[in-house]
C-alpha atoms as a PDB file:
ATOM      1  CA  MET A   1      35.624 -28.155  65.479  1.00  0.00           C
ATOM      2  CA  GLU A   2      35.729 -26.085  68.651  1.00  0.00           C
ATOM      3  CA  SER A   3      32.453 -24.888  70.096  1.00  0.00           C
ATOM      4  CA  ASP A   4      31.720 -21.214  70.602  1.00  0.00           C
ATOM      5  CA  PRO A   5      31.376 -20.749  74.413  1.00  0.00           C
ATOM      6  CA  ALA A   6      29.513 -17.475  73.923  1.00  0.00           C
ATOM      7  CA  GLY A   7      27.000 -19.085  71.563  1.00  0.00           C
ATOM      8  CA  SER A   8      26.910 -18.930  67.787  1.00  0.00           C
ATOM      9  CA  GLY A   9      26.462 -15.432  66.482  1.00  0.00           C
ATOM     10  CA  ALA A  10      26.632 -13.835  69.956  1.00  0.00           C
ATOM     11  CA  GLU A  11      27.246 -10.082  69.848  1.00  0.00           C
ATOM     12  CA  PRO A  12      30.364  -8.799  71.656  1.00  0.00           C
ATOM     13  CA  ARG A  13      29.770  -7.157  75.020  1.00  0.00           C
ATOM     14  CA  ARG A  14      29.381  -3.373  74.788  1.00  0.00           C
ATOM     15  CA  PRO A  15      31.548  -1.632  77.388  1.00  0.00           C
ATOM     16  CA  GLY A  16      29.670   0.312  80.058  1.00  0.00           C
ATOM     17  CA  LEU A  17      29.592   4.103  80.009  1.00  0.00           C
ATOM     18  CA  LEU A  18      32.285   4.530  82.661  1.00  0.00           C
ATOM     19  CA  GLU A  19      34.464   2.008  80.836  1.00  0.00           C
ATOM     20  CA  ARG A  20      33.988   3.917  77.569  1.00  0.00           C
ATOM     21  CA  LEU A  21      34.955   7.156  79.323  1.00  0.00           C
ATOM     22  CA  ARG A  22      38.118   5.612  80.751  1.00  0.00           C
ATOM     23  CA  GLY A  23      39.104   4.281  77.332  1.00  0.00           C
ATOM     24  CA  SER A  24      38.483   7.495  75.375  1.00  0.00           C
ATOM     25  CA  GLU A  25      41.549   9.500  74.366  1.00  0.00           C
ATOM     26  CA  LEU A  26      39.303  12.288  73.088  1.00  0.00           C
ATOM     27  CA  ALA A  27      37.587  12.526  76.489  1.00  0.00           C
ATOM     28  CA  ARG A  28      40.962  12.895  78.183  1.00  0.00           C
ATOM     29  CA  THR A  29      41.716  15.832  75.890  1.00  0.00           C
ATOM     30  CA  VAL A  30      38.345  17.570  76.116  1.00  0.00           C
ATOM     31  CA  LEU A  31      37.942  17.135  79.885  1.00  0.00           C
ATOM     32  CA  TYR A  32      41.099  19.087  80.615  1.00  0.00           C
ATOM     33  CA  ASP A  33      40.154  19.814  84.246  1.00  0.00           C
ATOM     34  CA  ILE A  34      40.444  16.098  85.051  1.00  0.00           C
ATOM     35  CA  ASP A  35      44.157  15.448  85.533  1.00  0.00           C
ATOM     36  CA  HIS A  36      43.759  11.822  86.556  1.00  0.00           C
ATOM     37  CA  PHE A  37      41.178   9.311  85.338  1.00  0.00           C
ATOM     38  CA  ALA A  38      40.829   6.608  87.978  1.00  0.00           C
ATOM     39  CA  GLU A  39      41.153   2.997  86.921  1.00  0.00           C
ATOM     40  CA  GLU A  40      38.429   0.473  87.730  1.00  0.00           C
ATOM     41  CA  GLY A  41      38.629  -0.468  91.405  1.00  0.00           C
ATOM     42  CA  GLU A  42      41.036   2.332  92.305  1.00  0.00           C
ATOM     43  CA  PRO A  43      40.187   3.383  95.900  1.00  0.00           C
ATOM     44  CA  VAL A  44      38.871   6.872  96.637  1.00  0.00           C
ATOM     45  CA  ASP A  45      41.801   8.922  97.928  1.00  0.00           C
ATOM     46  CA  TRP A  46      39.778  11.201 100.239  1.00  0.00           C
ATOM     47  CA  PRO A  47      38.201  10.642 103.696  1.00  0.00           C
ATOM     48  CA  LEU A  48      34.735  10.878 102.146  1.00  0.00           C
ATOM     49  CA  SER A  49      31.742   8.603 102.505  1.00  0.00           C
ATOM     50  CA  LEU A  50      27.992   8.403 101.948  1.00  0.00           C
ATOM     51  CA  PRO A  51      25.616   8.351 104.949  1.00  0.00           C
ATOM     52  CA  SER A  52      23.984   5.216 103.521  1.00  0.00           C
ATOM     53  CA  GLY A  53      27.262   3.330 103.645  1.00  0.00           C
ATOM     54  CA  ALA A  54      27.135   2.732  99.884  1.00  0.00           C
ATOM     55  CA  PRO A  55      30.540   2.904  98.190  1.00  0.00           C
ATOM     56  CA  LEU A  56      31.843   5.883  96.246  1.00  0.00           C
ATOM     57  CA  THR A  57      33.332   5.199  92.818  1.00  0.00           C
ATOM     58  CA  TRP A  58      36.251   7.429  91.859  1.00  0.00           C
ATOM     59  CA  ILE A  59      35.895   8.772  88.310  1.00  0.00           C
ATOM     60  CA  GLY A  60      38.765  11.246  88.259  1.00  0.00           C
ATOM     61  CA  SER A  61      40.479  14.087  90.062  1.00  0.00           C
ATOM     62  CA  ALA A  62      42.116  17.466  89.549  1.00  0.00           C
ATOM     63  CA  SER A  63      45.476  18.746  90.753  1.00  0.00           C
ATOM     64  CA  THR A  64      43.638  21.110  93.124  1.00  0.00           C
ATOM     65  CA  GLY A  65      42.678  18.159  95.321  1.00  0.00           C
ATOM     66  CA  SER A  66      39.168  17.930  93.910  1.00  0.00           C
ATOM     67  CA  ALA A  67      37.379  14.760  92.861  1.00  0.00           C
ATOM     68  CA  TYR A  68      34.681  13.539  90.478  1.00  0.00           C
ATOM     69  CA  LEU A  69      32.718  10.792  92.224  1.00  0.00           C
ATOM     70  CA  LEU A  70      29.910   8.391  91.400  1.00  0.00           C
ATOM     71  CA  CYS A  71      27.677   8.059  94.493  1.00  0.00           C
ATOM     72  CA  GLY A  72      27.434   4.285  94.279  1.00  0.00           C
ATOM     73  CA  THR A  73      28.645   1.768  91.729  1.00  0.00           C
ATOM     74  CA  GLY A  74      26.039   1.885  88.960  1.00  0.00           C
ATOM     75  CA  GLU A  75      25.495   4.155  85.971  1.00  0.00           C
ATOM     76  CA  HIS A  76      22.099   5.187  87.358  1.00  0.00           C
ATOM     77  CA  ASP A  77      23.652   6.596  90.550  1.00  0.00           C
ATOM     78  CA  PRO A  78      24.224  10.376  90.835  1.00  0.00           C
ATOM     79  CA  VAL A  79      27.588  12.007  90.159  1.00  0.00           C
ATOM     80  CA  VAL A  80      29.146  14.822  92.193  1.00  0.00           C
ATOM     81  CA  TYR A  81      32.189  17.058  92.065  1.00  0.00           C
ATOM     82  CA  TYR A  82      33.951  17.527  95.403  1.00  0.00           C
ATOM     83  CA  GLU A  83      35.874  20.807  95.618  1.00  0.00           C
ATOM     84  CA  GLY A  84      38.820  20.122  97.893  1.00  0.00           C
ATOM     85  CA  ASP A  85      39.833  23.738  98.461  1.00  0.00           C
ATOM     86  CA  GLY A  86      36.356  25.118  99.035  1.00  0.00           C
ATOM     87  CA  GLY A  87      35.012  22.096 100.853  1.00  0.00           C
ATOM     88  CA  TYR A  88      31.732  21.868  98.968  1.00  0.00           C
ATOM     89  CA  VAL A  89      30.027  19.482  96.570  1.00  0.00           C
ATOM     90  CA  GLN A  90      28.328  20.128  93.230  1.00  0.00           C
ATOM     91  CA  VAL A  91      25.793  17.711  91.728  1.00  0.00           C
ATOM     92  CA  LEU A  92      26.829  17.094  88.121  1.00  0.00           C
ATOM     93  CA  GLY A  93      23.971  14.785  87.237  1.00  0.00           C
ATOM     94  CA  ARG A  94      21.255  12.552  88.587  1.00  0.00           C
ATOM     95  CA  ASP A  95      23.089   9.698  86.871  1.00  0.00           C
ATOM     96  CA  LEU A  96      26.323   9.134  84.974  1.00  0.00           C
ATOM     97  CA  THR A  97      24.749   9.946  81.610  1.00  0.00           C
ATOM     98  CA  GLU A  98      23.567  13.377  82.772  1.00  0.00           C
ATOM     99  CA  ALA A  99      26.955  14.111  84.334  1.00  0.00           C
ATOM    100  CA  LEU A 100      28.904  13.246  81.188  1.00  0.00           C
ATOM    101  CA  GLU A 101      26.518  15.203  78.978  1.00  0.00           C
ATOM    102  CA  LEU A 102      27.248  18.221  81.181  1.00  0.00           C
ATOM    103  CA  LEU A 103      31.012  17.733  81.369  1.00  0.00           C
ATOM    104  CA  ILE A 104      31.609  17.172  77.655  1.00  0.00           C
ATOM    105  CA  GLY A 105      29.197  19.961  76.704  1.00  0.00           C
ATOM    106  CA  VAL A 106      30.623  22.468  79.192  1.00  0.00           C
ATOM    107  CA  PRO A 107      34.208  21.327  79.877  1.00  0.00           C
ATOM    108  CA  ASP A 108      34.967  24.783  81.307  1.00  0.00           C
ATOM    109  CA  LEU A 109      32.225  24.376  83.950  1.00  0.00           C
ATOM    110  CA  LEU A 110      34.605  25.171  86.829  1.00  0.00           C
ATOM    111  CA  ASP A 111      35.566  28.456  85.154  1.00  0.00           C
ATOM    112  CA  LEU A 112      31.883  29.407  85.038  1.00  0.00           C
ATOM    113  CA  GLU A 113      31.285  29.047  88.769  1.00  0.00           C
ATOM    114  CA  ILE A 114      31.361  32.797  89.513  1.00  0.00           C
ATOM    115  CA  PRO A 115      28.903  33.886  86.799  1.00  0.00           C
ATOM    116  CA  LEU A 116      26.689  30.887  87.544  1.00  0.00           C
ATOM    117  CA  ARG A 117      26.655  31.632  91.262  1.00  0.00           C
ATOM    118  CA  SER A 118      25.941  35.355  91.005  1.00  0.00           C
ATOM    119  CA  ARG A 119      24.638  36.254  87.544  1.00  0.00           C
ATOM    120  CA  GLY A 120      22.815  33.272  86.089  1.00  0.00           C
ATOM    121  CA  VAL A 121      22.720  30.924  83.124  1.00  0.00           C
ATOM    122  CA  GLU A 122      22.716  33.533  80.340  1.00  0.00           C
ATOM    123  CA  GLU A 123      25.891  35.247  81.549  1.00  0.00           C
ATOM    124  CA  ALA A 124      27.633  31.907  82.112  1.00  0.00           C
ATOM    125  CA  ALA A 125      26.586  30.634  78.664  1.00  0.00           C
ATOM    126  CA  ALA A 126      27.855  33.838  77.039  1.00  0.00           C
ATOM    127  CA  GLN A 127      31.226  33.479  78.800  1.00  0.00           C
ATOM    128  CA  HIS A 128      31.435  29.846  77.699  1.00  0.00           C
ATOM    129  CA  GLU A 129      30.726  30.793  74.089  1.00  0.00           C
ATOM    130  CA  ARG A 130      33.336  33.572  74.097  1.00  0.00           C
ATOM    131  CA  SER A 131      35.931  31.112  75.335  1.00  0.00           C
ATOM    132  CA  ARG A 132      34.798  28.325  73.013  1.00  0.00           C
ATOM    133  CA  ASN A 133      34.853  30.516  69.926  1.00  0.00           C
ATOM    134  CA  ARG A 134      38.518  31.381  70.429  1.00  0.00           C
ATOM    135  CA  SER A 135      39.525  27.758  69.934  1.00  0.00           C
ATOM    136  CA  ALA A 136      38.873  24.162  70.881  1.00  0.00           C
ATOM    137  CA  PRO A 137      41.916  23.944  73.201  1.00  0.00           C
ATOM    138  CA  ASN A 138      44.299  21.024  72.733  1.00  0.00           C
ATOM    139  CA  ILE A 139      42.087  19.329  70.117  1.00  0.00           C
ATOM    140  CA  PRO A 140      44.253  18.121  67.202  1.00  0.00           C
ATOM    141  CA  ASP A 141      43.226  19.299  63.727  1.00  0.00           C
ATOM    142  CA  ASP A 142      41.945  16.516  61.519  1.00  0.00           C
ATOM    143  CA  SER A 143      43.828  18.054  58.571  1.00  0.00           C
ATOM    144  CA  ALA A 144      45.938  21.113  57.872  1.00  0.00           C
ATOM    145  CA  ASP A 145      43.087  22.940  56.133  1.00  0.00           C
ATOM    146  CA  HIS A 146      40.257  21.720  58.353  1.00  0.00           C
ATOM    147  CA  PRO A 147      40.775  22.695  62.006  1.00  0.00           C
ATOM    148  CA  ARG A 148      38.346  21.012  64.308  1.00  0.00           C
ATOM    149  CA  ASP A 149      35.351  23.104  65.300  1.00  0.00           C
ATOM    150  CA  TRP A 150      34.231  22.831  68.928  1.00  0.00           C
ATOM    151  CA  ASN A 151      30.718  21.716  67.924  1.00  0.00           C
ATOM    152  CA  GLU A 152      32.249  18.963  65.812  1.00  0.00           C
ATOM    153  CA  VAL A 153      34.419  17.789  68.688  1.00  0.00           C
ATOM    154  CA  HIS A 154      31.436  17.834  71.049  1.00  0.00           C
ATOM    155  CA  ALA A 155      29.356  15.721  68.649  1.00  0.00           C
ATOM    156  CA  LEU A 156      32.218  13.268  68.056  1.00  0.00           C
ATOM    157  CA  LEU A 157      32.779  12.694  71.765  1.00  0.00           C
ATOM    158  CA  ALA A 158      29.060  12.386  72.520  1.00  0.00           C
ATOM    159  CA  ALA A 159      28.729   9.728  69.807  1.00  0.00           C
ATOM    160  CA  GLU A 160      31.803   7.879  71.083  1.00  0.00           C
ATOM    161  CA  LEU A 161      30.446   7.760  74.629  1.00  0.00           C
ATOM    162  CA  GLY A 162      26.849   7.122  73.597  1.00  0.00           C
ATOM    163  CA  VAL A 163      25.309  10.227  75.187  1.00  0.00           C
ATOM    164  CA  ARG A 164      23.551  13.295  73.770  1.00  0.00           C
ATOM    165  CA  ALA A 165      25.305  16.465  72.584  1.00  0.00           C
ATOM    166  CA  LEU A 166      22.970  18.999  74.216  1.00  0.00           C
ATOM    167  CA  PRO A 167      22.994  22.827  73.921  1.00  0.00           C
ATOM    168  CA  VAL A 168      24.990  24.607  76.617  1.00  0.00           C
ATOM    169  CA  ARG A 169      22.036  26.579  77.985  1.00  0.00           C
ATOM    170  CA  GLU A 170      19.982  23.408  78.436  1.00  0.00           C
ATOM    171  CA  LEU A 171      22.904  21.777  80.242  1.00  0.00           C
ATOM    172  CA  LEU A 172      23.470  24.744  82.553  1.00  0.00           C
ATOM    173  CA  GLN A 173      19.757  25.046  83.361  1.00  0.00           C
ATOM    174  CA  ARG A 174      19.668  21.369  84.303  1.00  0.00           C
ATOM    175  CA  PHE A 175      22.823  21.805  86.397  1.00  0.00           C
ATOM    176  CA  ILE A 176      21.241  24.716  88.280  1.00  0.00           C
ATOM    177  CA  ALA A 177      18.053  22.702  88.866  1.00  0.00           C
ATOM    178  CA  THR A 178      19.961  19.824  90.456  1.00  0.00           C
ATOM    179  CA  SER A 179      22.075  22.291  92.474  1.00  0.00           C
ATOM    180  CA  VAL A 180      18.996  23.998  93.925  1.00  0.00           C
ATOM    181  CA  ALA A 181      17.288  20.675  94.723  1.00  0.00           C
ATOM    182  CA  PRO A 182      20.052  18.054  95.119  1.00  0.00           C
ATOM    183  CA  PRO A 183      18.786  14.528  94.473  1.00  0.00           C
ATOM    184  CA  ASP A 184      18.840  11.891  97.187  1.00  0.00           C
ATOM    185  CA  GLY A 185      22.127  10.119  97.644  1.00  0.00           C
ATOM    186  CA  THR A 186      24.394  13.106  96.974  1.00  0.00           C
ATOM    187  CA  THR A 187      25.226  14.081 100.571  1.00  0.00           C
ATOM    188  CA  LEU A 188      28.897  13.506 101.354  1.00  0.00           C
ATOM    189  CA  LEU A 189      30.475  13.098 104.775  1.00  0.00           C
ATOM    190  CA  TRP A 190      34.040  14.206 105.513  1.00  0.00           C
ATOM    191  CA  GLU A 191      35.916  12.431 108.304  1.00  0.00           C
ATOM    192  CA  ASP A 192      38.162  14.906 110.122  1.00  0.00           C
ATOM    193  CA  MET A 193      41.366  14.137 112.031  1.00  0.00           C
ATOM    194  CA  SER A 194      39.425  13.429 115.236  1.00  0.00           C
ATOM    195  CA  GLY A 195      37.213  10.852 113.517  1.00  0.00           C
ATOM    196  CA  GLU A 196      34.135  13.088 113.464  1.00  0.00           C
ATOM    197  CA  PHE A 197      31.980  12.996 110.326  1.00  0.00           C
ATOM    198  CA  LEU A 198      31.003  16.400 108.932  1.00  0.00           C
ATOM    199  CA  THR A 199      28.405  17.012 106.225  1.00  0.00           C
ATOM    200  CA  VAL A 200      29.869  18.643 103.114  1.00  0.00           C
ATOM    201  CA  GLU A 201      27.873  21.677 101.974  1.00  0.00           C
ATOM    202  CA  HIS A 202      26.114  21.570  98.607  1.00  0.00           C
ATOM    203  CA  TRP A 203      26.956  24.365  96.164  1.00  0.00           C
ATOM    204  CA  ALA A 204      24.022  26.478  95.006  1.00  0.00           C
ATOM    205  CA  PRO A 205      23.662  29.802  93.122  1.00  0.00           C
ATOM    206  CA  GLU A 206      22.930  32.956  95.113  1.00  0.00           C
ATOM    207  CA  TRP A 207      20.145  34.151  92.810  1.00  0.00           C
ATOM    208  CA  CYS A 208      17.832  31.132  93.210  1.00  0.00           C
END
């Protein structure tokens, strides 16, 4: 009889959060702003770096030349969004869990940048709800007479990833708090054509 190298009764390894994200078809549908989900080990395709010399982990990117980046290699490292056109960085979370809670709860976050910058959380949340109530875009119905509700989709994806399905206002307030006071380790450097390293500006709302 062959021995069990993992030990009798050993539980199977649970994939990490980033691995679960990469393997989720529902996440690829909900997070429609991410056109490309990077594979494990795929090199960052931008001349960006951290002042500490720690590596950046590429999570995904958009067709606009923007990138979603983990500032390090671990799930407890902060996550940022680099806006390629505007040349700024937004802090999505103090760790990967916070970032994914924000992204799956407010997948239209990029569309809310103007109201968030100039008018605040309440206006941005109201715009999100108006858009959300029209439909859950690109989410397949689970049956002909039971179209998927956005709240249902949000809860399903949160459970699949193993994060919380938080209310949109709570998520946006937390996003603003980390934008006003960016956590350590979220400064990005851009290397220009001459080899000079320039600090990328952090995004922050005008009303704070």
